Amino acid sequence: MDNLKQENIQEICFNISKDIILPKYRNLKNQDIKYKNGTDLVTSADVAAEKELKKALLKIIPGSNFVGEEEYLENVNILNAYNEDNYCWTVDPIDGTSNFVKGKEKFAIMIALTYKNKILYSWIYKLLNEEMCYAIQNDGAFIGNRKISTFSKSNLNEATGSISTKYWDEDYLDRLKLLKNNFAEVKSYGCIGFEYVDIGLGKRNFAILSKLSPWDHIPGILFIRESGGSDIDFNGKPYDFTLRNKNLIVGNSEEFNLQILNKLGEYS
């Protein structure tokens, strides 16, 4: 795809960060903050950034589809775009909105480009240090110009990662509480984009996830796969955003993910 250049995506993220998002960082007014679905935060910066991302990305591939976290609130049918014979952009304008609202440092812009059920490119842009983490299908995962590869722990009791705390049914919730005791540390960053990057680097080892909204996971999944990591759901199947898996284990290796899955099975 000749008209898709990494520097163009980085420039788009940099400009939207500088012009829209960072001016609101630690400077949000009450009227800038709302709740969607009664529980999840959204800010005026999320909404404005997504609109500008859509404009800029659709200029790169005219006629392509677009799925954004904030647009989804207005039209849940936009997810049907993934089944069309067309390129589709997926965007989370501020991954880690709660961190952003609280003035914490872990939040990111996340973008992916897909074609049907294939993830072709993904980008996770860390605004505060202007760091671009990206992946290209069959070409690798990169931070800046540096190609990276992950490495895994051998045992669960040496591993650090996170387990989603919401949106599980009661059966899984009880089993996951028992599973949690097998790891060295279980702690969320409050920004899954940052977690995906650190799993790709081998700084963290796993994430066990529920409520798989595509904008939260498509960008990170490609980054993990291209860094040498792996993903499986509780049925042992890889993530497929067109089929909408209900849960997911992401880790440094397939073998490590299967250790987690097998341990979870012991509590059934």
Protein backbone atom coordinates (compact mmCIF):
# COMPACT_ATOMS: atom_id res chain seq x y z
CA MET A 1 0.00 0.00 0.00
CA ASP A 2 2.18 2.79 -1.37
CA ASN A 3 0.23 5.72 0.07
CA LEU A 4 0.48 4.43 3.67
CA LYS A 5 3.64 5.74 5.32
CA GLN A 6 4.56 5.36 8.97
CA GLU A 7 5.68 8.97 9.22
CA ASN A 8 2.25 10.15 8.07
CA ILE A 9 0.48 8.24 10.86
CA GLN A 10 2.99 9.55 13.39
CA GLU A 11 2.45 13.11 12.18
CA ILE A 12 -1.33 12.72 12.46
CA CYS A 13 -1.02 11.42 16.03
CA PHE A 14 1.48 14.13 16.98
CA ASN A 15 -0.71 16.94 15.66
CA ILE A 16 -3.91 15.66 17.26
CA SER A 17 -2.05 15.11 20.51
CA LYS A 18 -0.61 18.65 20.45
CA ASP A 19 -3.73 20.46 19.24
CA ILE A 20 -6.59 18.56 20.92
CA ILE A 21 -5.63 16.09 23.63
CA LEU A 22 -2.69 17.47 25.58
CA PRO A 23 -4.19 20.97 26.01
CA LYS A 24 -6.91 19.21 28.06
CA TYR A 25 -4.46 17.07 30.05
CA ARG A 26 -4.71 18.05 33.73
CA ASN A 27 -6.88 20.91 32.50
CA LEU A 28 -10.32 19.32 32.15
CA LYS A 29 -13.40 21.23 33.27
CA ASN A 30 -16.52 19.54 34.64
CA GLN A 31 -18.30 20.10 31.34
CA ASP A 32 -15.51 18.22 29.52
CA ILE A 33 -16.26 14.95 31.35
CA LYS A 34 -19.27 12.68 30.88
CA TYR A 35 -20.21 9.05 31.45
CA LYS A 36 -21.33 6.77 28.64
CA ASN A 37 -23.46 3.74 29.46
CA GLY A 38 -23.55 5.06 33.01
CA THR A 39 -20.07 3.73 33.87
CA ASP A 40 -17.37 4.53 31.29
CA LEU A 41 -15.76 7.95 31.12
CA VAL A 42 -15.62 10.02 27.95
CA THR A 43 -14.18 13.50 27.56
CA SER A 44 -14.53 16.29 25.04
CA ALA A 45 -10.96 15.45 24.00
CA ASP A 46 -11.96 11.84 23.11
CA VAL A 47 -14.77 13.06 20.88
CA ALA A 48 -12.82 15.84 19.16
CA ALA A 49 -9.73 13.68 18.63
CA GLU A 50 -11.74 10.86 17.06
CA LYS A 51 -13.37 13.25 14.58
CA GLU A 52 -9.98 14.56 13.49
CA LEU A 53 -8.49 11.06 13.29
CA LYS A 54 -11.34 9.98 11.05
CA LYS A 55 -10.83 12.92 8.70
CA ALA A 56 -7.09 12.39 8.45
CA LEU A 57 -7.17 8.59 8.05
CA LEU A 58 -9.90 8.57 5.41
CA LYS A 59 -7.77 10.95 3.34
CA ILE A 60 -5.03 8.32 3.27
CA ILE A 61 -7.37 5.64 1.89
CA PRO A 62 -10.42 7.37 0.36
CA GLY A 63 -13.55 5.24 0.58
CA SER A 64 -12.25 3.11 3.44
CA ASN A 65 -14.40 2.30 6.46
CA PHE A 66 -13.95 3.66 9.97
CA VAL A 67 -14.84 2.23 13.38
CA GLY A 68 -14.31 4.55 16.34
CA GLU A 69 -15.08 4.03 20.00
CA GLU A 70 -17.12 7.20 20.26
CA GLU A 71 -18.95 6.70 16.94
CA TYR A 72 -20.00 3.26 18.13
CA LEU A 73 -22.11 4.92 20.84
CA GLU A 74 -24.18 6.55 18.11
CA ASN A 75 -24.34 3.58 15.77
CA VAL A 76 -23.58 0.03 16.95
CA ASN A 77 -24.01 -1.22 13.37
CA ILE A 78 -20.65 0.25 12.36
CA LEU A 79 -19.08 -3.06 13.45
CA ASN A 80 -20.59 -4.58 10.29
CA ALA A 81 -17.86 -2.72 8.40
CA TYR A 82 -15.45 -5.49 9.37
CA ASN A 83 -17.32 -7.93 7.14
CA GLU A 84 -17.19 -5.74 4.05
CA ASP A 85 -14.73 -6.20 1.20
CA ASN A 86 -12.89 -3.03 2.12
CA TYR A 87 -10.14 -1.57 4.26
CA CYS A 88 -11.26 -0.47 7.71
CA TRP A 89 -9.63 1.83 10.25
CA THR A 90 -10.25 1.15 13.95
CA VAL A 91 -9.52 3.93 16.44
CA ASP A 92 -9.45 4.48 20.17
CA PRO A 93 -8.75 8.23 20.43
CA ILE A 94 -7.67 8.02 24.07
CA ASP A 95 -7.02 4.56 25.42
CA GLY A 96 -6.88 4.97 29.19
CA THR A 97 -9.45 7.75 29.47
CA SER A 98 -9.77 7.26 33.23
CA ASN A 99 -6.01 7.78 33.61
CA PHE A 100 -6.24 10.87 31.40
CA VAL A 101 -9.04 12.31 33.53
CA LYS A 102 -7.10 11.62 36.74
CA GLY A 103 -3.95 13.24 35.36
CA LYS A 104 -2.02 9.96 35.29
CA GLU A 105 0.62 9.34 32.64
CA LYS A 106 -0.46 6.12 30.92
CA PHE A 107 -2.80 6.90 28.01
CA ALA A 108 -2.40 6.45 24.27
CA ILE A 109 -3.89 6.86 20.81
CA MET A 110 -4.57 3.46 19.24
CA ILE A 111 -5.14 2.85 15.52
CA ALA A 112 -5.35 -0.25 13.34
CA LEU A 113 -5.94 -0.93 9.67
CA THR A 114 -7.71 -4.17 8.77
CA TYR A 115 -9.05 -5.90 5.68
CA LYS A 116 -11.88 -8.29 6.48
CA ASN A 117 -10.49 -10.40 9.38
CA LYS A 118 -6.82 -9.58 8.73
CA ILE A 119 -4.98 -7.00 10.82
CA LEU A 120 -2.53 -5.32 8.46
CA TYR A 121 -1.06 -2.47 10.50
CA SER A 122 -1.40 -1.12 14.01
CA TRP A 123 -0.13 1.87 15.96
CA ILE A 124 -0.02 2.69 19.69
CA TYR A 125 1.11 6.27 20.22
CA LYS A 126 2.29 7.34 23.69
CA LEU A 127 1.50 11.03 23.78
CA LEU A 128 3.61 12.28 26.67
CA ASN A 129 6.92 11.02 25.29
CA GLU A 130 5.89 11.09 21.60
CA GLU A 131 6.76 7.41 21.22
CA MET A 132 5.23 5.41 18.38
CA CYS A 133 4.88 1.67 18.82
CA TYR A 134 3.65 -0.10 15.70
CA ALA A 135 3.35 -3.42 13.95
CA ILE A 136 3.15 -4.53 10.34
CA GLN A 137 1.66 -7.88 9.39
CA ASN A 138 4.44 -10.40 8.65
CA ASP A 139 7.12 -7.73 9.11
CA GLY A 140 7.45 -7.28 12.87
CA ALA A 141 6.75 -5.03 15.83
CA PHE A 142 8.66 -1.81 16.32
CA ILE A 143 9.21 0.99 18.82
CA GLY A 144 10.46 3.92 16.83
CA ASN A 145 12.89 2.36 14.36
CA ARG A 146 13.80 -0.52 16.69
CA LYS A 147 12.37 -3.96 15.95
CA ILE A 148 11.44 -5.73 19.16
CA SER A 149 10.76 -9.29 20.25
CA THR A 150 9.21 -10.62 23.40
CA PHE A 151 10.39 -13.31 25.80
CA SER A 152 8.44 -15.44 28.22
CA LYS A 153 8.56 -16.68 31.79
CA SER A 154 8.62 -20.43 32.35
CA ASN A 155 6.34 -20.51 35.38
CA LEU A 156 3.13 -18.75 36.33
CA ASN A 157 4.48 -17.89 39.78
CA GLU A 158 7.17 -15.71 38.18
CA ALA A 159 4.76 -13.83 35.94
CA THR A 160 3.24 -10.34 36.14
CA GLY A 161 0.19 -9.13 34.27
CA SER A 162 -3.45 -8.17 34.61
CA ILE A 163 -6.91 -9.72 34.81
CA SER A 164 -10.01 -7.76 33.83
CA THR A 165 -12.17 -7.11 36.89
CA LYS A 166 -15.50 -6.44 35.15
CA TYR A 167 -17.89 -8.03 32.66
CA TRP A 168 -17.35 -11.69 33.64
CA ASP A 169 -20.21 -14.06 34.40
CA GLU A 170 -20.26 -15.43 37.95
CA ASP A 171 -18.70 -18.77 37.07
CA TYR A 172 -15.61 -17.21 35.48
CA LEU A 173 -15.37 -14.52 38.17
CA ASP A 174 -14.97 -17.13 40.91
CA ARG A 175 -12.45 -19.14 38.91
CA LEU A 176 -10.38 -16.07 38.05
CA LYS A 177 -10.15 -15.11 41.73
CA LEU A 178 -8.52 -18.49 42.35
CA LEU A 179 -6.33 -18.19 39.25
CA LYS A 180 -5.01 -14.82 40.41
CA ASN A 181 -3.18 -16.46 43.31
CA ASN A 182 -0.87 -18.32 40.92
CA PHE A 183 0.95 -15.22 39.64
CA ALA A 184 3.74 -13.10 41.12
CA GLU A 185 1.75 -9.89 40.57
CA VAL A 186 -1.61 -8.99 39.06
CA LYS A 187 -2.08 -5.29 38.45
CA SER A 188 -3.70 -3.26 35.67
CA TYR A 189 -2.16 -0.16 34.12
CA GLY A 190 -5.59 1.29 33.38
CA CYS A 191 -4.44 1.52 29.75
CA ILE A 192 -4.42 -1.71 27.77
CA GLY A 193 -2.33 -0.14 25.01
CA PHE A 194 0.58 0.31 27.42
CA GLU A 195 0.10 -3.26 28.63
CA TYR A 196 0.24 -4.64 25.09
CA VAL A 197 3.51 -2.80 24.48
CA ASP A 198 5.09 -4.11 27.68
CA ILE A 199 3.97 -7.68 26.93
CA GLY A 200 5.60 -7.25 23.53
CA LEU A 201 8.79 -6.12 25.24
CA GLY A 202 8.68 -8.96 27.78
CA LYS A 203 8.37 -6.51 30.68
CA ARG A 204 4.98 -8.05 31.45
CA ASN A 205 3.80 -11.55 30.71
CA PHE A 206 0.04 -11.72 30.30
CA ALA A 207 -3.36 -10.06 30.22
CA ILE A 208 -6.62 -11.97 30.77
CA LEU A 209 -9.38 -9.96 29.18
CA SER A 210 -13.16 -9.62 29.00
CA LYS A 211 -15.42 -7.29 26.96
CA LEU A 212 -13.28 -7.29 23.83
CA SER A 213 -14.19 -3.98 22.23
CA PRO A 214 -12.27 -3.96 18.91
CA TRP A 215 -10.70 -0.51 19.38
CA ASP A 216 -9.16 -1.71 22.65
CA HIS A 217 -7.59 -4.85 21.24
CA ILE A 218 -7.07 -4.96 17.46
CA PRO A 219 -4.03 -2.62 17.60
CA GLY A 220 -2.39 -4.46 20.48
CA ILE A 221 -3.06 -7.95 19.16
CA LEU A 222 -1.02 -7.35 16.02
CA PHE A 223 1.77 -5.83 18.12
CA ILE A 224 1.84 -8.94 20.32
CA ARG A 225 1.74 -11.39 17.42
CA GLU A 226 4.50 -9.61 15.51
CA SER A 227 6.70 -9.43 18.62
CA GLY A 228 6.46 -13.23 18.96
CA GLY A 229 3.65 -13.37 21.51
CA SER A 230 0.34 -15.18 21.29
CA ASP A 231 -3.39 -14.89 21.97
CA ILE A 232 -6.09 -17.48 22.65
CA ASP A 233 -9.60 -17.34 24.06
CA PHE A 234 -10.91 -19.72 26.71
CA ASN A 235 -11.89 -22.14 23.93
CA GLY A 236 -8.31 -22.17 22.65
CA LYS A 237 -9.07 -20.08 19.56
CA PRO A 238 -7.13 -16.99 18.45
CA TYR A 239 -8.67 -13.53 18.60
CA ASP A 240 -10.93 -12.77 15.64
CA PHE A 241 -12.61 -9.38 15.83
CA THR A 242 -15.13 -10.37 13.15
CA LEU A 243 -16.39 -13.24 15.34
CA ARG A 244 -16.22 -11.22 18.57
CA ASN A 245 -14.58 -13.57 21.07
CA LYS A 246 -16.00 -13.14 24.58
CA ASN A 247 -12.67 -13.46 26.43
CA LEU A 248 -8.97 -13.64 25.70
CA ILE A 249 -5.57 -14.56 27.11
CA VAL A 250 -2.68 -12.55 25.68
CA GLY A 251 0.87 -13.52 26.60
CA ASN A 252 4.52 -13.77 25.63
CA SER A 253 4.13 -17.23 24.10
CA GLU A 254 1.55 -19.83 23.13
CA GLU A 255 3.01 -22.25 25.68
CA PHE A 256 2.60 -19.73 28.48
CA ASN A 257 -0.99 -18.96 27.46
CA LEU A 258 -1.80 -22.67 27.51
CA GLN A 259 -0.38 -22.92 31.04
CA ILE A 260 -2.84 -20.21 32.09
CA LEU A 261 -5.72 -21.88 30.25
CA ASN A 262 -4.95 -25.26 31.77
CA LYS A 263 -4.73 -23.79 35.26
CA LEU A 264 -8.07 -22.03 34.75
CA GLY A 265 -9.56 -25.38 33.70
CA GLU A 266 -8.52 -26.90 37.02
CA TYR A 267 -10.99 -24.63 38.80
CA SER A 268 -14.03 -25.62 36.75
